[in-house]
Amino acid sequence: MSDKKLRIGFIGAGGIGRTHMRHLMKFKDVDLVSASDISADCRAKAEQDHGVKRTYQDWQDMLAKEELDAVSVCTPNGCHAEHTIGALESGCHVLVEKPLAMSAAEGQAMLDAAEKAGKHLVIAFQWRYHPKAQFLKQSVADGHYGKVLYMRCSALRRRGIPNWGVFGRKDLQGGGPLIDIGVHIMEVAHYVMGRPRPVAASGHTFEYIGARPCDVACTWPNWDHKTYTVEDLAVGQVRFENGAVMQVEASFAAHVKDSWNFTFMGEKGGADFENLAIHTDECGYMIDKTPAYLPQYDYFEMKMRRFVDTALNDVPNEAPAEDGLMIQKMIDAIYASAATGQEVLID
């Protein structure tokens, strides 16, 4: 440890922004300098609850007036590119919330800006830090399953349309459950697989519940159905350069049991994330086994700690923006395939 402190600012002080603050304020080598948000209430909460020294309504005003080392971008998806590029050009390292952007083209512009500025750009993928994901990643890398052939991902909510924020607006988010929660399960599954390069995707989207008033008892009732323009359910398939295939299902509303899981099948074995069950053959028998112990820690906090280490001490990060760009290309291609009815190649 040194006496250096990371002077960080926040573009976006809403729910996820304050979650970033809550974890970062625990670190003695971080100084929560400033935050910007169009909401006076969010600015007040950042100051009162998290000790942010100064707040601004205009993010550009904050970047111009503050001497910051890093910025956390926690705004709607449609703002990610502008806010990230602006922060990078002001000389800051950037942690940007998922997904990387509204499109791969925007994401590439963000990566280009980071390279030009000589700054780190990190994507806020926390699930890869989960102890289960770390175990599976290492066991795949060690060859226990042979080549991973097939990955099946599910991020399914039976009735989980957010009734806050702008999650139902395609113009600000780029899509619905696929880009909002599907991105999480896709990124950790892709990470565990070893980050193979995607080459093509196909997909379908369905809209049948969200654009009408809530008519059942559920955890998050009374969403804004009048502005709801995203899919309720998305399904897709991604092909990779190494021949592997990923299937993904993501829903805000579907007649299905809630599910948050990925399973994979390899040449020598397979595994299940939720139950951490490993399926393989040993001694002439089919064997199911689980690890006896995994470390317990806050994997979201681990994500924040690793960003600080990267920005402050140039430590390589487990969630570089390049990974965010690969996931963005997969999502773009699934949406494009759903619109055209054809498989879409990924450059």
Protein backbone atom coordinates (compact mmCIF):
# COMPACT_ATOMS: atom_id res chain seq x y z
CA MET A 1 0.00 0.00 0.00
CA SER A 2 1.17 3.54 -0.71
CA ASP A 3 -0.08 6.97 0.27
CA LYS A 4 -1.61 7.51 -3.18
CA LYS A 5 -5.34 8.12 -3.37
CA LEU A 6 -7.58 7.65 -6.37
CA ARG A 7 -9.60 10.82 -6.89
CA ILE A 8 -12.82 9.59 -8.44
CA GLY A 9 -15.95 11.25 -9.79
CA PHE A 10 -19.29 9.83 -10.86
CA ILE A 11 -21.38 10.57 -13.91
CA GLY A 12 -24.76 9.37 -12.75
CA ALA A 13 -25.65 9.28 -9.05
CA GLY A 14 -28.76 7.12 -9.22
CA GLY A 15 -29.17 3.65 -7.74
CA ILE A 16 -26.23 1.92 -9.42
CA GLY A 17 -24.02 4.99 -9.04
CA ARG A 18 -24.64 5.05 -5.30
CA THR A 19 -23.94 1.32 -5.15
CA HIS A 20 -20.51 2.09 -6.64
CA MET A 21 -20.07 4.83 -4.04
CA ARG A 22 -21.08 2.57 -1.15
CA HIS A 23 -18.31 0.12 -1.97
CA LEU A 24 -15.65 2.64 -2.93
CA MET A 25 -16.06 4.62 0.29
CA LYS A 26 -14.74 1.59 2.19
CA PHE A 27 -11.32 1.87 0.55
CA LYS A 28 -8.78 4.09 2.28
CA ASP A 29 -6.97 4.77 -1.01
CA VAL A 30 -10.06 6.27 -2.70
CA ASP A 31 -11.36 9.83 -2.43
CA LEU A 32 -14.96 10.36 -3.55
CA VAL A 33 -14.48 13.83 -4.96
CA SER A 34 -17.56 14.66 -7.00
CA ALA A 35 -20.67 13.43 -8.75
CA SER A 36 -22.95 14.75 -11.46
CA ASP A 37 -26.62 14.00 -12.01
CA ILE A 38 -29.61 15.83 -13.48
CA SER A 39 -31.61 14.86 -10.36
CA ALA A 40 -31.23 17.15 -7.34
CA ASP A 41 -32.42 14.31 -5.12
CA CYS A 42 -29.69 11.97 -6.40
CA ARG A 43 -27.07 14.67 -5.91
CA ALA A 44 -28.23 15.26 -2.34
CA LYS A 45 -28.12 11.54 -1.51
CA ALA A 46 -24.58 11.27 -2.91
CA GLU A 47 -23.44 14.04 -0.56
CA GLN A 48 -25.43 13.05 2.51
CA ASP A 49 -25.18 9.26 2.37
CA HIS A 50 -21.81 8.68 0.74
CA GLY A 51 -19.70 11.68 1.60
CA VAL A 52 -19.20 12.94 -1.96
CA LYS A 53 -17.60 16.36 -1.55
CA ARG A 54 -19.17 18.27 -4.44
CA THR A 55 -21.98 17.62 -6.88
CA TYR A 56 -22.92 19.06 -10.26
CA GLN A 57 -25.96 19.06 -12.50
CA ASP A 58 -23.78 19.10 -15.62
CA TRP A 59 -21.21 16.31 -16.05
CA GLN A 60 -19.06 18.43 -18.37
CA ASP A 61 -18.94 21.15 -15.74
CA MET A 62 -17.68 18.57 -13.23
CA LEU A 63 -14.94 17.32 -15.56
CA ALA A 64 -13.82 20.87 -16.29
CA LYS A 65 -13.64 21.99 -12.66
CA GLU A 66 -12.40 18.90 -10.83
CA GLU A 67 -8.98 17.26 -10.93
CA LEU A 68 -10.01 13.62 -11.19
CA ASP A 69 -8.00 10.45 -11.75
CA ALA A 70 -10.98 8.27 -12.61
CA VAL A 71 -14.69 8.40 -13.40
CA SER A 72 -17.44 5.87 -12.84
CA VAL A 73 -20.09 6.10 -15.58
CA CYS A 74 -23.49 4.98 -14.22
CA THR A 75 -25.97 6.55 -16.64
CA PRO A 76 -28.53 4.95 -19.01
CA ASN A 77 -27.03 2.91 -21.84
CA GLY A 78 -27.69 5.63 -24.40
CA CYS A 79 -25.33 7.98 -22.55
CA HIS A 80 -22.42 5.58 -21.99
CA ALA A 81 -20.45 6.45 -25.10
CA GLU A 82 -20.68 10.24 -24.73
CA HIS A 83 -19.90 10.22 -21.01
CA THR A 84 -17.10 7.68 -21.28
CA ILE A 85 -15.36 9.38 -24.18
CA GLY A 86 -15.69 12.75 -22.46
CA ALA A 87 -14.13 11.40 -19.26
CA LEU A 88 -11.30 9.70 -21.15
CA GLU A 89 -10.55 12.86 -23.10
CA SER A 90 -10.37 14.76 -19.82
CA GLY A 91 -7.56 12.43 -18.72
CA CYS A 92 -9.48 9.98 -16.51
CA HIS A 93 -9.52 6.22 -16.28
CA VAL A 94 -13.11 4.99 -16.66
CA LEU A 95 -15.27 2.25 -15.18
CA VAL A 96 -18.45 2.05 -17.26
CA GLU A 97 -21.53 0.13 -16.21
CA LYS A 98 -22.81 -2.71 -18.36
CA PRO A 99 -23.56 -2.93 -21.20
CA LEU A 100 -20.63 -1.16 -22.80
CA ALA A 101 -22.86 0.99 -25.00
CA MET A 102 -25.93 1.00 -27.26
CA SER A 103 -24.00 -0.67 -30.07
CA ALA A 104 -20.64 -2.18 -30.94
CA ALA A 105 -19.88 0.88 -33.08
CA GLU A 106 -20.23 3.12 -30.02
CA GLY A 107 -18.21 0.63 -28.00
CA GLN A 108 -15.37 0.66 -30.52
CA ALA A 109 -15.28 4.46 -30.39
CA MET A 110 -14.94 4.20 -26.61
CA LEU A 111 -12.03 1.75 -26.90
CA ASP A 112 -10.37 4.00 -29.47
CA ALA A 113 -10.71 6.98 -27.14
CA ALA A 114 -9.13 5.01 -24.29
CA GLU A 115 -6.19 4.00 -26.47
CA LYS A 116 -5.69 7.57 -27.70
CA ALA A 117 -5.83 8.93 -24.15
CA GLY A 118 -3.56 6.21 -22.76
CA LYS A 119 -6.11 5.44 -20.05
CA HIS A 120 -7.76 2.29 -18.74
CA LEU A 121 -11.33 1.54 -19.76
CA VAL A 122 -12.95 -1.18 -17.66
CA ILE A 123 -16.43 -2.68 -18.05
CA ALA A 124 -18.40 -3.22 -14.82
CA PHE A 125 -18.90 -6.98 -15.12
CA GLN A 126 -19.12 -8.28 -11.55
CA TRP A 127 -20.32 -11.84 -12.05
CA ARG A 128 -16.93 -13.02 -13.30
CA TYR A 129 -15.59 -12.24 -9.82
CA HIS A 130 -18.11 -14.55 -8.17
CA PRO A 131 -16.29 -17.42 -6.38
CA LYS A 132 -18.24 -19.99 -8.43
CA ALA A 133 -17.21 -18.31 -11.66
CA GLN A 134 -13.59 -18.15 -10.55
CA PHE A 135 -13.63 -21.87 -9.75
CA LEU A 136 -15.24 -22.83 -13.07
CA LYS A 137 -12.96 -20.53 -15.04
CA GLN A 138 -9.87 -22.16 -13.52
CA SER A 139 -11.17 -25.70 -13.95
CA VAL A 140 -11.97 -25.03 -17.64
CA ALA A 141 -8.51 -23.52 -18.14
CA ASP A 142 -6.95 -26.58 -16.48
CA GLY A 143 -8.64 -28.85 -19.03
CA HIS A 144 -10.97 -30.78 -16.74
CA TYR A 145 -13.86 -30.61 -19.24
CA GLY A 146 -11.89 -30.80 -22.46
CA LYS A 147 -13.11 -28.45 -25.15
CA VAL A 148 -16.32 -26.63 -24.13
CA LEU A 149 -18.81 -27.44 -26.87
CA TYR A 150 -22.07 -25.90 -25.73
CA MET A 151 -23.03 -23.20 -23.23
CA ARG A 152 -26.66 -22.63 -22.18
CA CYS A 153 -27.50 -19.35 -20.42
CA SER A 154 -30.73 -18.20 -18.78
CA ALA A 155 -31.61 -14.84 -17.24
CA LEU A 156 -35.35 -15.31 -16.91
CA ARG A 157 -37.85 -13.37 -14.84
CA ARG A 158 -41.45 -14.51 -14.76
CA ARG A 159 -42.70 -10.98 -14.12
CA GLY A 160 -39.78 -8.68 -13.45
CA ILE A 161 -40.25 -5.57 -15.57
CA PRO A 162 -38.49 -2.73 -13.73
CA ASN A 163 -40.96 -0.09 -12.52
CA TRP A 164 -38.25 2.56 -12.11
CA GLY A 165 -35.70 4.17 -14.41
CA VAL A 166 -35.87 3.91 -18.20
CA PHE A 167 -35.46 0.14 -18.64
CA GLY A 168 -38.53 -0.07 -20.87
CA ARG A 169 -37.37 2.58 -23.34
CA LYS A 170 -35.51 1.23 -26.36
CA ASP A 171 -34.35 4.71 -27.37
CA LEU A 172 -32.38 5.08 -24.11
CA GLN A 173 -31.47 1.46 -23.37
CA GLY A 174 -31.04 -0.16 -26.78
CA GLY A 175 -33.26 -3.08 -25.84
CA GLY A 176 -34.86 -4.94 -22.98
CA PRO A 177 -33.91 -8.02 -20.96
CA LEU A 178 -31.24 -9.21 -23.38
CA ILE A 179 -29.14 -6.05 -23.09
CA ASP A 180 -30.04 -5.43 -19.42
CA ILE A 181 -29.83 -8.78 -17.63
CA GLY A 182 -28.90 -11.20 -20.42
CA VAL A 183 -25.62 -9.30 -20.72
CA HIS A 184 -24.68 -10.43 -17.19
CA ILE A 185 -25.16 -14.14 -17.73
CA MET A 186 -23.57 -13.95 -21.19
CA GLU A 187 -20.46 -12.19 -19.93
CA VAL A 188 -19.75 -14.63 -17.10
CA ALA A 189 -20.44 -17.65 -19.32
CA HIS A 190 -18.18 -16.28 -22.07
CA TYR A 191 -15.49 -15.56 -19.47
CA VAL A 192 -15.66 -19.12 -18.11
CA MET A 193 -15.46 -20.53 -21.64
CA GLY A 194 -12.16 -18.73 -22.15
CA ARG A 195 -13.43 -15.73 -24.15
CA PRO A 196 -13.70 -17.37 -27.62
CA ARG A 197 -14.25 -15.00 -30.55
CA PRO A 198 -17.90 -14.84 -31.75
CA VAL A 199 -18.44 -15.20 -35.51
CA ALA A 200 -22.24 -15.32 -36.01
CA ALA A 201 -25.54 -15.15 -34.16
CA SER A 202 -29.24 -15.71 -34.67
CA GLY A 203 -32.14 -14.72 -32.46
CA HIS A 204 -35.78 -13.91 -31.88
CA THR A 205 -37.56 -11.36 -29.69
CA PHE A 206 -41.15 -11.37 -28.46
CA GLU A 207 -43.39 -8.59 -27.10
CA TYR A 208 -46.67 -9.55 -25.42
CA ILE A 209 -46.92 -8.25 -21.81
CA GLY A 210 -44.93 -5.09 -21.12
CA ALA A 211 -46.82 -2.70 -23.37
CA ARG A 212 -50.10 -3.18 -21.51
CA PRO A 213 -51.11 -2.37 -17.90
CA CYS A 214 -50.00 -4.70 -15.11
CA ASP A 215 -52.83 -7.19 -14.52
CA VAL A 216 -51.34 -9.61 -11.97
CA ALA A 217 -49.83 -9.39 -8.50
CA CYS A 218 -46.03 -9.26 -8.79
CA THR A 219 -42.94 -7.92 -7.05
CA TRP A 220 -42.58 -4.87 -9.31
CA PRO A 221 -46.10 -3.87 -10.38
CA ASN A 222 -47.28 -0.86 -12.34
CA TRP A 223 -44.38 -0.36 -14.71
CA ASP A 224 -44.77 2.41 -17.29
CA HIS A 225 -46.47 0.41 -20.03
CA LYS A 226 -47.13 3.56 -22.09
CA THR A 227 -43.42 4.09 -22.80
CA TYR A 228 -42.53 0.38 -22.95
CA THR A 229 -40.89 -0.31 -26.32
CA VAL A 230 -38.51 -3.21 -25.59
CA GLU A 231 -38.88 -6.97 -25.86
CA ASP A 232 -40.36 -9.11 -23.08
CA LEU A 233 -38.38 -12.19 -24.11
CA ALA A 234 -35.28 -12.69 -26.22
CA VAL A 235 -33.66 -15.94 -27.28
CA GLY A 236 -30.46 -16.25 -29.23
CA GLN A 237 -27.63 -18.48 -30.34
CA VAL A 238 -24.02 -17.44 -30.85
CA ARG A 239 -21.41 -19.42 -32.81
CA PHE A 240 -17.72 -19.04 -31.95
CA GLU A 241 -14.57 -19.32 -33.99
CA ASN A 242 -13.53 -22.48 -32.12
CA GLY A 243 -16.80 -24.25 -33.00
CA ALA A 244 -18.48 -23.80 -29.63
CA VAL A 245 -22.09 -22.58 -29.36
CA MET A 246 -23.84 -20.44 -26.74
CA GLN A 247 -27.61 -20.40 -26.28
CA VAL A 248 -29.15 -17.52 -24.31
CA GLU A 249 -32.64 -16.80 -22.98
CA ALA A 250 -33.51 -13.52 -21.27
CA SER A 251 -36.89 -12.19 -20.14
CA PHE A 252 -38.49 -9.41 -18.15
CA ALA A 253 -41.83 -11.21 -18.45
CA ALA A 254 -42.43 -14.83 -19.44
CA HIS A 255 -44.57 -17.72 -18.30
CA VAL A 256 -41.64 -19.56 -16.79
CA LYS A 257 -39.95 -20.10 -13.44
CA ASP A 258 -37.33 -17.47 -12.61
CA SER A 259 -33.86 -18.67 -13.59
CA TRP A 260 -30.36 -17.24 -13.34
CA ASN A 261 -27.89 -19.87 -14.43
CA PHE A 262 -25.55 -21.22 -17.04
CA THR A 263 -24.61 -24.80 -17.77
CA PHE A 264 -22.01 -26.09 -20.17
CA MET A 265 -21.05 -29.36 -21.81
CA GLY A 266 -17.55 -30.30 -22.86
CA GLU A 267 -15.81 -33.28 -24.40
CA LYS A 268 -14.76 -34.68 -21.01
CA GLY A 269 -17.29 -33.15 -18.63
CA GLY A 270 -19.75 -30.39 -17.91
CA ALA A 271 -20.89 -28.16 -15.07
CA ASP A 272 -23.74 -26.10 -13.66
CA PHE A 273 -23.15 -22.62 -12.19
CA GLU A 274 -26.13 -22.39 -9.84
CA ASN A 275 -25.55 -25.69 -8.04
CA LEU A 276 -21.85 -25.90 -8.90
CA ALA A 277 -22.35 -29.51 -9.95
CA ILE A 278 -19.61 -31.06 -12.09
CA HIS A 279 -20.64 -33.93 -14.36
CA THR A 280 -17.90 -36.25 -15.60
CA ASP A 281 -16.76 -39.88 -15.91
CA GLU A 282 -14.32 -41.49 -13.48
CA CYS A 283 -13.24 -45.09 -12.92
CA GLY A 284 -15.78 -46.34 -15.44
CA TYR A 285 -18.69 -44.52 -13.78
CA MET A 286 -20.66 -41.35 -14.36
CA ILE A 287 -19.80 -39.02 -11.48
CA ASP A 288 -21.38 -35.82 -10.11
CA LYS A 289 -19.24 -33.82 -7.68
CA THR A 290 -19.03 -30.41 -6.05
CA PRO A 291 -16.19 -28.53 -4.35
CA ALA A 292 -16.11 -28.89 -0.56
CA TYR A 293 -15.39 -25.21 0.04
CA LEU A 294 -15.33 -21.90 -1.79
CA PRO A 295 -14.20 -18.57 -0.33
CA GLN A 296 -16.99 -16.17 0.55
CA TYR A 297 -16.69 -12.50 -0.39
CA ASP A 298 -18.63 -9.63 -1.92
CA TYR A 299 -17.93 -10.05 -5.63
CA PHE A 300 -19.39 -6.61 -6.48
CA GLU A 301 -16.94 -5.08 -4.04
CA MET A 302 -14.18 -7.17 -5.62
CA LYS A 303 -15.05 -5.60 -8.97
CA MET A 304 -14.70 -2.13 -7.49
CA ARG A 305 -11.45 -3.02 -5.72
CA ARG A 306 -9.92 -4.34 -8.93
CA PHE A 307 -10.81 -1.15 -10.79
CA VAL A 308 -9.08 0.91 -8.12
CA ASP A 309 -5.99 -1.30 -8.40
CA THR A 310 -6.02 -0.88 -12.18
CA ALA A 311 -6.50 2.90 -12.15
CA LEU A 312 -4.16 3.60 -9.23
CA ASN A 313 -1.41 1.02 -9.75
CA ASP A 314 -1.75 -0.09 -13.40
CA VAL A 315 -2.73 -3.64 -12.42
CA PRO A 316 -4.20 -5.65 -15.36
CA ASN A 317 -7.98 -5.96 -15.03
CA GLU A 318 -10.13 -9.08 -15.34
CA ALA A 319 -12.87 -7.12 -17.12
CA PRO A 320 -11.23 -5.08 -19.89
CA ALA A 321 -13.42 -3.11 -22.27
CA GLU A 322 -12.45 -5.54 -25.04
CA ASP A 323 -14.58 -8.18 -23.30
CA GLY A 324 -17.47 -5.73 -23.14
CA LEU A 325 -17.11 -5.12 -26.87
CA MET A 326 -17.28 -8.84 -27.68
CA ILE A 327 -20.48 -9.20 -25.62
CA GLN A 328 -21.90 -6.07 -27.29
CA LYS A 329 -21.26 -7.58 -30.72
CA MET A 330 -23.14 -10.73 -29.71
CA ILE A 331 -26.11 -8.72 -28.43
CA ASP A 332 -26.16 -6.51 -31.52
CA ALA A 333 -26.15 -9.56 -33.76
CA ILE A 334 -28.97 -11.31 -31.88
CA TYR A 335 -31.13 -8.18 -32.12
CA ALA A 336 -30.24 -7.75 -35.81
CA SER A 337 -31.12 -11.37 -36.53
CA ALA A 338 -34.45 -10.98 -34.74
CA ALA A 339 -35.22 -7.99 -36.97
CA THR A 340 -34.18 -9.65 -40.24
CA GLY A 341 -34.98 -13.30 -39.65
CA GLN A 342 -31.50 -14.26 -40.80
CA GLU A 343 -28.29 -15.33 -39.10
CA VAL A 344 -25.96 -12.32 -38.74
CA LEU A 345 -22.18 -12.51 -39.16
CA ILE A 346 -20.03 -10.86 -36.50
CA ASP A 347 -16.96 -8.94 -37.63
